Amino acid sequence: MSVSALANELFTFLLEHENGIPEADLKSHFGDRYSAMAPGINELLGINRLQLFMQSGALVYKAIKEATAIKFEGLG
C-alpha cells in the first residue's frame, strides 16, 4: 500500500484497534494533529482501506485489512 506518511500513521494506529475506534479517542490520541488528518482519511477512504460508521451515536474509524479490501475491489 503506497500512501502518504500521514495516512500510513493513521492506518497503522487503526490496525491496533481491530473493532474500530471512536472519533473522540482518535482526536485524543493525535491531539492537535487530528485537524490535519483529513487528507490521510480521504486517502484511505479512496483506496478502500478505511471504514467509517456510527456506533452508539459516535463516528467510528476502522482499518480495512488488505485481504478484505481485495474482496470488495470493483464493487460499487
N, C-alpha and C. Protein backbone atom coordinates (compact mmCIF):
# COMPACT_ATOMS: atom_id res chain seq x y z
N MET A 1 0.86 -1.17 0.00
CA MET A 1 0.00 0.00 0.00
C MET A 1 0.90 1.22 0.00
N SER A 2 0.78 2.02 -1.02
CA SER A 2 1.59 3.23 -1.13
C SER A 2 0.73 4.45 -0.81
N VAL A 3 0.92 5.00 0.38
CA VAL A 3 0.16 6.16 0.82
C VAL A 3 1.10 7.15 1.49
N SER A 4 0.58 8.33 1.76
CA SER A 4 1.38 9.35 2.43
C SER A 4 1.76 8.89 3.84
N ALA A 5 2.74 9.56 4.42
CA ALA A 5 3.18 9.22 5.77
C ALA A 5 2.05 9.40 6.78
N LEU A 6 1.25 10.44 6.59
CA LEU A 6 0.13 10.71 7.49
C LEU A 6 -0.91 9.59 7.41
N ALA A 7 -1.27 9.18 6.20
CA ALA A 7 -2.23 8.10 6.03
C ALA A 7 -1.68 6.80 6.59
N ASN A 8 -0.40 6.55 6.39
CA ASN A 8 0.22 5.34 6.91
C ASN A 8 0.21 5.32 8.44
N GLU A 9 0.50 6.46 9.06
CA GLU A 9 0.49 6.54 10.52
C GLU A 9 -0.92 6.28 11.06
N LEU A 10 -1.91 6.87 10.42
CA LEU A 10 -3.29 6.67 10.83
C LEU A 10 -3.69 5.20 10.66
N PHE A 11 -3.38 4.63 9.51
CA PHE A 11 -3.74 3.24 9.23
C PHE A 11 -3.09 2.29 10.23
N THR A 12 -1.83 2.50 10.50
CA THR A 12 -1.10 1.66 11.46
C THR A 12 -1.75 1.74 12.84
N PHE A 13 -2.11 2.94 13.26
CA PHE A 13 -2.77 3.11 14.55
C PHE A 13 -4.12 2.39 14.56
N LEU A 14 -4.88 2.52 13.48
CA LEU A 14 -6.20 1.89 13.42
C LEU A 14 -6.11 0.37 13.42
N LEU A 15 -5.06 -0.18 12.86
CA LEU A 15 -4.89 -1.63 12.87
C LEU A 15 -4.76 -2.17 14.29
N GLU A 16 -4.31 -1.34 15.21
CA GLU A 16 -4.18 -1.76 16.60
C GLU A 16 -5.55 -1.84 17.30
N HIS A 17 -6.57 -1.35 16.63
CA HIS A 17 -7.93 -1.33 17.19
C HIS A 17 -8.85 -2.09 16.24
N GLU A 18 -8.83 -3.39 16.36
CA GLU A 18 -9.49 -4.28 15.41
C GLU A 18 -10.99 -3.98 15.23
N ASN A 19 -11.65 -3.55 16.28
CA ASN A 19 -13.09 -3.27 16.20
C ASN A 19 -13.37 -1.82 15.85
N GLY A 20 -12.35 -1.06 15.57
CA GLY A 20 -12.50 0.35 15.26
C GLY A 20 -12.30 1.20 16.50
N ILE A 21 -12.23 2.51 16.29
CA ILE A 21 -12.01 3.43 17.39
C ILE A 21 -12.89 4.66 17.20
N PRO A 22 -13.57 5.09 18.25
CA PRO A 22 -14.42 6.28 18.14
C PRO A 22 -13.60 7.53 17.81
N GLU A 23 -14.24 8.46 17.14
CA GLU A 23 -13.57 9.69 16.74
C GLU A 23 -12.97 10.43 17.94
N ALA A 24 -13.67 10.44 19.06
CA ALA A 24 -13.16 11.14 20.25
C ALA A 24 -11.83 10.56 20.70
N ASP A 25 -11.68 9.24 20.64
CA ASP A 25 -10.43 8.60 21.03
C ASP A 25 -9.32 8.89 20.02
N LEU A 26 -9.71 8.95 18.76
CA LEU A 26 -8.74 9.28 17.70
C LEU A 26 -8.24 10.71 17.90
N LYS A 27 -9.16 11.63 18.19
CA LYS A 27 -8.78 13.02 18.45
C LYS A 27 -7.86 13.10 19.66
N SER A 28 -8.16 12.34 20.68
CA SER A 28 -7.35 12.34 21.89
C SER A 28 -5.94 11.84 21.60
N HIS A 29 -5.83 10.78 20.82
CA HIS A 29 -4.53 10.20 20.50
C HIS A 29 -3.67 11.15 19.68
N PHE A 30 -4.25 11.74 18.64
CA PHE A 30 -3.48 12.59 17.73
C PHE A 30 -3.41 14.05 18.17
N GLY A 31 -4.24 14.44 19.13
CA GLY A 31 -4.19 15.80 19.66
C GLY A 31 -4.36 16.86 18.59
N ASP A 32 -3.49 17.86 18.61
CA ASP A 32 -3.57 18.97 17.66
C ASP A 32 -3.40 18.52 16.22
N ARG A 33 -2.75 17.40 16.02
CA ARG A 33 -2.53 16.91 14.64
C ARG A 33 -3.80 16.35 14.02
N TYR A 34 -4.83 16.07 14.83
CA TYR A 34 -6.05 15.49 14.28
C TYR A 34 -6.67 16.39 13.21
N SER A 35 -6.61 17.69 13.41
CA SER A 35 -7.21 18.61 12.44
C SER A 35 -6.54 18.53 11.07
N ALA A 36 -5.33 18.00 11.01
CA ALA A 36 -4.62 17.86 9.74
C ALA A 36 -4.78 16.47 9.14
N MET A 37 -5.61 15.64 9.75
CA MET A 37 -5.75 14.24 9.32
C MET A 37 -6.69 14.06 8.11
N ALA A 38 -7.47 15.06 7.77
CA ALA A 38 -8.46 14.90 6.69
C ALA A 38 -7.87 14.36 5.39
N PRO A 39 -6.73 14.86 4.91
CA PRO A 39 -6.17 14.29 3.67
C PRO A 39 -5.83 12.80 3.82
N GLY A 40 -5.29 12.41 4.97
CA GLY A 40 -4.97 10.99 5.20
C GLY A 40 -6.21 10.13 5.26
N ILE A 41 -7.25 10.66 5.91
CA ILE A 41 -8.54 9.95 5.98
C ILE A 41 -9.11 9.77 4.59
N ASN A 42 -9.12 10.85 3.81
CA ASN A 42 -9.65 10.77 2.44
C ASN A 42 -8.83 9.83 1.56
N GLU A 43 -7.53 9.83 1.77
CA GLU A 43 -6.65 8.95 1.00
C GLU A 43 -7.00 7.48 1.29
N LEU A 44 -7.17 7.14 2.57
CA LEU A 44 -7.51 5.76 2.94
C LEU A 44 -8.90 5.38 2.47
N LEU A 45 -9.84 6.31 2.54
CA LEU A 45 -11.18 6.04 2.02
C LEU A 45 -11.14 5.78 0.52
N GLY A 46 -10.32 6.56 -0.17
CA GLY A 46 -10.21 6.44 -1.64
C GLY A 46 -9.65 5.12 -2.11
N ILE A 47 -8.87 4.46 -1.28
CA ILE A 47 -8.31 3.16 -1.68
C ILE A 47 -8.95 2.02 -0.90
N ASN A 48 -10.12 2.29 -0.34
CA ASN A 48 -10.90 1.27 0.38
C ASN A 48 -10.15 0.61 1.53
N ARG A 49 -9.40 1.41 2.29
CA ARG A 49 -8.67 0.85 3.43
C ARG A 49 -9.17 1.42 4.75
N LEU A 50 -10.28 2.19 4.69
CA LEU A 50 -10.85 2.79 5.89
C LEU A 50 -12.37 2.71 5.81
N GLN A 51 -12.95 2.31 6.91
CA GLN A 51 -14.41 2.25 7.03
C GLN A 51 -14.83 3.22 8.12
N LEU A 52 -15.87 4.00 7.84
CA LEU A 52 -16.45 4.91 8.83
C LEU A 52 -17.88 4.46 9.07
N PHE A 53 -18.27 4.38 10.34
CA PHE A 53 -19.64 4.00 10.66
C PHE A 53 -20.03 4.59 12.00
N MET A 54 -21.34 4.64 12.24
CA MET A 54 -21.86 5.16 13.50
C MET A 54 -22.12 3.98 14.44
N GLN A 55 -21.73 4.16 15.69
CA GLN A 55 -21.97 3.14 16.70
C GLN A 55 -22.27 3.86 18.02
N SER A 56 -23.44 3.60 18.56
CA SER A 56 -23.86 4.25 19.81
C SER A 56 -23.75 5.77 19.72
N GLY A 57 -24.10 6.31 18.57
CA GLY A 57 -24.09 7.75 18.37
C GLY A 57 -22.73 8.37 18.12
N ALA A 58 -21.69 7.56 17.99
CA ALA A 58 -20.34 8.07 17.76
C ALA A 58 -19.82 7.59 16.41
N LEU A 59 -19.08 8.47 15.72
CA LEU A 59 -18.42 8.10 14.49
C LEU A 59 -17.22 7.22 14.83
N VAL A 60 -17.13 6.06 14.17
CA VAL A 60 -16.06 5.10 14.44
C VAL A 60 -15.23 4.91 13.17
N TYR A 61 -13.92 4.89 13.34
CA TYR A 61 -12.96 4.66 12.25
C TYR A 61 -12.41 3.25 12.40
N LYS A 62 -12.37 2.53 11.28
CA LYS A 62 -11.86 1.15 11.32
C LYS A 62 -11.02 0.89 10.08
N ALA A 63 -9.83 0.34 10.29
CA ALA A 63 -8.96 -0.02 9.17
C ALA A 63 -9.53 -1.24 8.46
N ILE A 64 -9.42 -1.25 7.16
CA ILE A 64 -9.82 -2.41 6.37
C ILE A 64 -8.53 -3.09 5.91
N LYS A 65 -8.35 -4.32 6.35
CA LYS A 65 -7.14 -5.06 6.00
C LYS A 65 -7.12 -5.37 4.51
N GLU A 66 -5.93 -5.59 3.99
CA GLU A 66 -5.74 -5.79 2.55
C GLU A 66 -6.59 -6.93 1.99
N ALA A 67 -6.64 -8.04 2.68
CA ALA A 67 -7.41 -9.19 2.17
C ALA A 67 -8.89 -8.84 2.02
N THR A 68 -9.41 -8.08 2.95
CA THR A 68 -10.82 -7.67 2.88
C THR A 68 -11.01 -6.66 1.76
N ALA A 69 -10.09 -5.72 1.63
CA ALA A 69 -10.19 -4.70 0.58
C ALA A 69 -10.19 -5.34 -0.81
N ILE A 70 -9.38 -6.38 -0.98
CA ILE A 70 -9.31 -7.08 -2.27
C ILE A 70 -10.66 -7.74 -2.60
N LYS A 71 -11.31 -8.31 -1.60
CA LYS A 71 -12.59 -8.97 -1.81
C LYS A 71 -13.64 -8.00 -2.37
N PHE A 72 -13.60 -6.75 -1.91
CA PHE A 72 -14.61 -5.78 -2.31
C PHE A 72 -14.19 -4.88 -3.44
N GLU A 73 -12.98 -5.06 -3.95
CA GLU A 73 -12.48 -4.24 -5.05
C GLU A 73 -13.37 -4.42 -6.27
N GLY A 74 -13.76 -3.31 -6.86
CA GLY A 74 -14.59 -3.35 -8.06
C GLY A 74 -16.07 -3.34 -7.79
N LEU A 75 -16.47 -3.55 -6.55
CA LEU A 75 -17.89 -3.48 -6.23
C LEU A 75 -18.28 -2.02 -6.03
N GLY A 76 -19.45 -1.66 -6.46
CA GLY A 76 -19.84 -0.27 -6.31
C GLY A 76 -21.18 -0.16 -5.83
